[in-house]
Structures are given as C-alpha cells and as structure tokens.
Amino acid sequence: MLLAEWSGECEVPFTYLITTDSLALHQVFPSQPVTALGWTSNGLARVKLLKPIHSSKTRAARPSGIYRVRPKGNVTRLERHVPPSLGC
C-alpha cells in the first residue's frame, strides 16, 4: 500500500491510497485538500484535512484536522483538530 500526494492547480494537495498488487486508487476525502503525513504503527494512514467539510452552511461534517484512514480509504477517526489552513 502506498500513500501518495498530488498537488493540483494552485498547489492544492490531494491524497491517495494505492494498492501495489492491483494499483487500485482510493482518494482520501475526494475533492478536498488533504496532505499525506505518513503511517501509524498499526498500519493506518495519517492525513491532514486542510479545510472542514460542511454538511450544511453552519455545521461541519468533518472538521479540519489530522485523521487516521484504513488502507481502503475509510476514515477511522479524527486524531486531533487543527485550525483550517489558508489557501490561495
């Protein structure tokens, strides 16, 4: 399993989990700016969600912060909250 990051337009990072046997690609938080941080000792990816994901105008479904993610791309939990990053 590879943890990969790609920077798109305006240097916005997107993070992917890629299986090495089938090259299946799983985007972590699709369409959201996410930075790859590394791995935990028990095999979960660590990523930083740079801006909150809102379910409505006032409620954040996922606050910005550091998350642990299973190899198939399923978010397991928020590790810690981090203030949103400013972008261009």
N, C-alpha and C. Protein backbone atom coordinates (compact mmCIF):
# COMPACT_ATOMS: atom_id res chain seq x y z
N MET A 1 0.85 -1.17 0.00
CA MET A 1 0.00 0.00 0.00
C MET A 1 0.90 1.24 0.00
N LEU A 2 0.59 2.15 -0.89
CA LEU A 2 1.32 3.42 -0.97
C LEU A 2 0.40 4.56 -0.55
N LEU A 3 0.97 5.53 0.13
CA LEU A 3 0.28 6.76 0.47
C LEU A 3 0.89 7.83 -0.42
N ALA A 4 0.10 8.37 -1.35
CA ALA A 4 0.63 9.31 -2.34
C ALA A 4 -0.11 10.64 -2.27
N GLU A 5 0.62 11.70 -2.63
CA GLU A 5 0.05 13.04 -2.64
C GLU A 5 0.33 13.67 -3.99
N TRP A 6 -0.66 14.36 -4.53
CA TRP A 6 -0.51 15.08 -5.79
C TRP A 6 -0.97 16.50 -5.58
N SER A 7 -0.21 17.46 -6.08
CA SER A 7 -0.59 18.87 -5.97
C SER A 7 -1.21 19.32 -7.28
N GLY A 8 -2.44 19.78 -7.19
CA GLY A 8 -3.16 20.25 -8.36
C GLY A 8 -2.96 21.74 -8.57
N GLU A 9 -3.93 22.32 -9.24
CA GLU A 9 -3.90 23.75 -9.52
C GLU A 9 -3.77 24.54 -8.22
N CYS A 10 -2.97 25.58 -8.24
CA CYS A 10 -2.78 26.46 -7.08
C CYS A 10 -2.12 25.71 -5.91
N GLU A 11 -1.37 24.65 -6.24
CA GLU A 11 -0.65 23.87 -5.23
C GLU A 11 -1.56 23.25 -4.18
N VAL A 12 -2.79 22.88 -4.58
CA VAL A 12 -3.74 22.24 -3.67
C VAL A 12 -3.42 20.74 -3.63
N PRO A 13 -3.11 20.20 -2.44
CA PRO A 13 -2.73 18.78 -2.35
C PRO A 13 -3.96 17.85 -2.28
N PHE A 14 -3.85 16.73 -2.98
CA PHE A 14 -4.83 15.65 -2.91
C PHE A 14 -4.09 14.38 -2.54
N THR A 15 -4.69 13.54 -1.71
CA THR A 15 -4.01 12.36 -1.19
C THR A 15 -4.75 11.10 -1.61
N TYR A 16 -3.96 10.07 -1.95
CA TYR A 16 -4.49 8.80 -2.44
C TYR A 16 -3.82 7.64 -1.73
N LEU A 17 -4.56 6.56 -1.57
CA LEU A 17 -4.01 5.28 -1.15
C LEU A 17 -4.02 4.39 -2.38
N ILE A 18 -2.88 3.76 -2.69
CA ILE A 18 -2.75 2.95 -3.90
C ILE A 18 -2.30 1.56 -3.48
N THR A 19 -3.07 0.53 -3.88
CA THR A 19 -2.65 -0.84 -3.59
C THR A 19 -1.58 -1.24 -4.59
N THR A 20 -0.52 -1.85 -4.14
CA THR A 20 0.59 -2.20 -5.02
C THR A 20 0.31 -3.45 -5.85
N ASP A 21 -0.61 -4.30 -5.42
CA ASP A 21 -0.88 -5.52 -6.20
C ASP A 21 -1.81 -5.25 -7.38
N SER A 22 -2.85 -4.44 -7.21
CA SER A 22 -3.81 -4.19 -8.29
C SER A 22 -3.79 -2.75 -8.80
N LEU A 23 -3.00 -1.89 -8.17
CA LEU A 23 -2.94 -0.46 -8.48
C LEU A 23 -4.28 0.24 -8.34
N ALA A 24 -5.14 -0.29 -7.46
CA ALA A 24 -6.42 0.36 -7.16
C ALA A 24 -6.12 1.68 -6.44
N LEU A 25 -6.84 2.70 -6.83
CA LEU A 25 -6.63 4.04 -6.31
C LEU A 25 -7.82 4.45 -5.46
N HIS A 26 -7.57 4.88 -4.21
CA HIS A 26 -8.61 5.34 -3.31
C HIS A 26 -8.25 6.75 -2.87
N GLN A 27 -9.07 7.74 -3.28
CA GLN A 27 -8.80 9.11 -2.87
C GLN A 27 -9.32 9.32 -1.46
N VAL A 28 -8.50 9.94 -0.62
CA VAL A 28 -8.88 10.26 0.76
C VAL A 28 -9.58 11.61 0.73
N PHE A 29 -10.82 11.67 1.24
CA PHE A 29 -11.64 12.89 1.21
C PHE A 29 -11.69 13.46 -0.21
N PRO A 30 -12.39 12.79 -1.14
CA PRO A 30 -12.46 13.26 -2.53
C PRO A 30 -12.83 14.74 -2.65
N SER A 31 -12.15 15.42 -3.54
CA SER A 31 -12.37 16.84 -3.85
C SER A 31 -12.05 17.78 -2.70
N GLN A 32 -11.31 17.31 -1.72
CA GLN A 32 -10.93 18.15 -0.59
C GLN A 32 -9.40 18.23 -0.51
N PRO A 33 -8.84 19.38 -0.10
CA PRO A 33 -7.38 19.46 0.05
C PRO A 33 -6.93 18.65 1.27
N VAL A 34 -6.05 17.68 1.01
CA VAL A 34 -5.56 16.75 2.05
C VAL A 34 -4.07 16.54 1.86
N THR A 35 -3.31 16.59 2.95
CA THR A 35 -1.88 16.35 2.92
C THR A 35 -1.58 14.99 3.54
N ALA A 36 -0.71 14.22 2.91
CA ALA A 36 -0.28 12.93 3.45
C ALA A 36 0.76 13.17 4.53
N LEU A 37 0.60 12.51 5.69
CA LEU A 37 1.55 12.67 6.80
C LEU A 37 2.38 11.42 7.05
N GLY A 38 1.85 10.24 6.75
CA GLY A 38 2.61 9.01 7.00
C GLY A 38 1.70 7.91 7.51
N TRP A 39 2.30 6.99 8.26
CA TRP A 39 1.60 5.79 8.74
C TRP A 39 1.69 5.67 10.26
N THR A 40 0.68 5.06 10.85
CA THR A 40 0.73 4.72 12.27
C THR A 40 1.42 3.36 12.41
N SER A 41 1.77 2.99 13.62
CA SER A 41 2.44 1.70 13.85
C SER A 41 1.51 0.52 13.57
N ASN A 42 0.20 0.73 13.59
CA ASN A 42 -0.74 -0.37 13.32
C ASN A 42 -1.29 -0.35 11.88
N GLY A 43 -0.62 0.38 10.97
CA GLY A 43 -0.95 0.31 9.55
C GLY A 43 -2.04 1.23 9.04
N LEU A 44 -2.38 2.26 9.78
CA LEU A 44 -3.34 3.25 9.31
C LEU A 44 -2.59 4.45 8.74
N ALA A 45 -3.12 5.01 7.65
CA ALA A 45 -2.52 6.22 7.08
C ALA A 45 -2.91 7.41 7.95
N ARG A 46 -2.03 8.39 8.02
CA ARG A 46 -2.32 9.64 8.73
C ARG A 46 -2.34 10.75 7.69
N VAL A 47 -3.45 11.51 7.66
CA VAL A 47 -3.61 12.60 6.70
C VAL A 47 -4.13 13.84 7.41
N LYS A 48 -3.87 14.98 6.81
CA LYS A 48 -4.36 16.24 7.36
C LYS A 48 -5.37 16.85 6.41
N LEU A 49 -6.61 16.96 6.86
CA LEU A 49 -7.68 17.62 6.11
C LEU A 49 -7.52 19.12 6.36
N LEU A 50 -7.23 19.87 5.29
CA LEU A 50 -6.87 21.27 5.46
C LEU A 50 -8.04 22.21 5.70
N LYS A 51 -9.22 21.84 5.20
CA LYS A 51 -10.42 22.67 5.39
C LYS A 51 -11.56 21.77 5.82
N PRO A 52 -12.47 22.27 6.65
CA PRO A 52 -13.59 21.43 7.09
C PRO A 52 -14.53 21.07 5.94
N ILE A 53 -15.18 19.93 6.07
CA ILE A 53 -16.21 19.52 5.12
C ILE A 53 -17.54 19.82 5.79
N HIS A 54 -18.36 20.63 5.15
CA HIS A 54 -19.62 21.06 5.75
C HIS A 54 -20.79 20.25 5.22
N SER A 55 -21.67 19.83 6.14
CA SER A 55 -22.90 19.16 5.74
C SER A 55 -24.02 20.18 5.56
N SER A 56 -23.83 21.36 6.13
CA SER A 56 -24.74 22.49 5.94
C SER A 56 -23.89 23.75 6.07
N LYS A 57 -24.49 24.91 5.94
CA LYS A 57 -23.72 26.15 6.00
C LYS A 57 -23.10 26.41 7.37
N THR A 58 -23.70 25.86 8.41
CA THR A 58 -23.21 26.14 9.76
C THR A 58 -22.59 24.94 10.45
N ARG A 59 -22.83 23.73 9.95
CA ARG A 59 -22.36 22.53 10.65
C ARG A 59 -21.28 21.82 9.85
N ALA A 60 -20.15 21.55 10.48
CA ALA A 60 -19.06 20.83 9.83
C ALA A 60 -19.26 19.33 10.03
N ALA A 61 -19.35 18.59 8.93
CA ALA A 61 -19.47 17.13 9.00
C ALA A 61 -18.12 16.54 9.41
N ARG A 62 -17.06 17.12 8.92
CA ARG A 62 -15.69 16.73 9.27
C ARG A 62 -14.90 18.01 9.51
N PRO A 63 -14.46 18.27 10.73
CA PRO A 63 -13.64 19.45 10.96
C PRO A 63 -12.24 19.27 10.38
N SER A 64 -11.55 20.37 10.13
CA SER A 64 -10.17 20.26 9.67
C SER A 64 -9.35 19.63 10.79
N GLY A 65 -8.37 18.82 10.41
CA GLY A 65 -7.55 18.17 11.41
C GLY A 65 -6.82 16.97 10.85
N ILE A 66 -6.21 16.20 11.75
CA ILE A 66 -5.45 15.02 11.37
C ILE A 66 -6.33 13.80 11.60
N TYR A 67 -6.44 12.97 10.56
CA TYR A 67 -7.30 11.79 10.58
C TYR A 67 -6.49 10.53 10.36
N ARG A 68 -7.00 9.43 10.89
CA ARG A 68 -6.46 8.10 10.61
C ARG A 68 -7.38 7.43 9.60
N VAL A 69 -6.77 6.78 8.60
CA VAL A 69 -7.52 6.23 7.48
C VAL A 69 -7.09 4.78 7.24
N ARG A 70 -8.07 3.90 7.05
CA ARG A 70 -7.78 2.50 6.73
C ARG A 70 -7.23 2.41 5.31
N PRO A 71 -6.51 1.34 4.97
CA PRO A 71 -5.93 1.20 3.64
C PRO A 71 -6.93 1.28 2.48
N LYS A 72 -8.18 0.95 2.68
CA LYS A 72 -9.18 1.06 1.60
C LYS A 72 -9.74 2.47 1.47
N GLY A 73 -9.26 3.40 2.29
CA GLY A 73 -9.71 4.79 2.20
C GLY A 73 -10.79 5.17 3.19
N ASN A 74 -11.22 4.25 4.05
CA ASN A 74 -12.25 4.56 5.05
C ASN A 74 -11.62 5.32 6.21
N VAL A 75 -12.19 6.45 6.53
CA VAL A 75 -11.70 7.25 7.65
C VAL A 75 -12.11 6.56 8.94
N THR A 76 -11.16 6.34 9.83
CA THR A 76 -11.48 5.68 11.10
C THR A 76 -11.82 6.68 12.19
N ARG A 77 -11.02 7.74 12.30
CA ARG A 77 -11.34 8.72 13.35
C ARG A 77 -10.48 9.97 13.21
N LEU A 78 -10.96 11.04 13.85
CA LEU A 78 -10.20 12.27 13.96
C LEU A 78 -9.18 12.08 15.07
N GLU A 79 -7.92 12.24 14.76
CA GLU A 79 -6.85 12.11 15.76
C GLU A 79 -6.76 13.38 16.59
N ARG A 80 -6.76 14.51 15.89
CA ARG A 80 -6.78 15.80 16.60
C ARG A 80 -7.21 16.91 15.65
N HIS A 81 -7.88 17.90 16.23
CA HIS A 81 -8.36 19.05 15.47
C HIS A 81 -7.19 19.99 15.19
N VAL A 82 -7.15 20.56 13.99
CA VAL A 82 -6.15 21.55 13.60
C VAL A 82 -6.91 22.68 12.92
N PRO A 83 -6.60 23.93 13.23
CA PRO A 83 -7.31 25.04 12.58
C PRO A 83 -7.18 24.95 11.06
N PRO A 84 -8.20 25.40 10.32
CA PRO A 84 -8.14 25.36 8.85
C PRO A 84 -6.93 26.12 8.31
N SER A 85 -6.37 25.61 7.21
CA SER A 85 -5.24 26.26 6.55
C SER A 85 -5.78 27.27 5.54
N LEU A 86 -5.08 28.37 5.42
CA LEU A 86 -5.46 29.37 4.42
C LEU A 86 -4.86 28.97 3.08
N GLY A 87 -5.63 29.10 2.04
CA GLY A 87 -5.14 28.77 0.70
C GLY A 87 -5.21 29.99 -0.20
N CYS A 88 -4.88 29.75 -1.47
CA CYS A 88 -4.90 30.89 -2.40
C CYS A 88 -6.28 31.08 -2.98
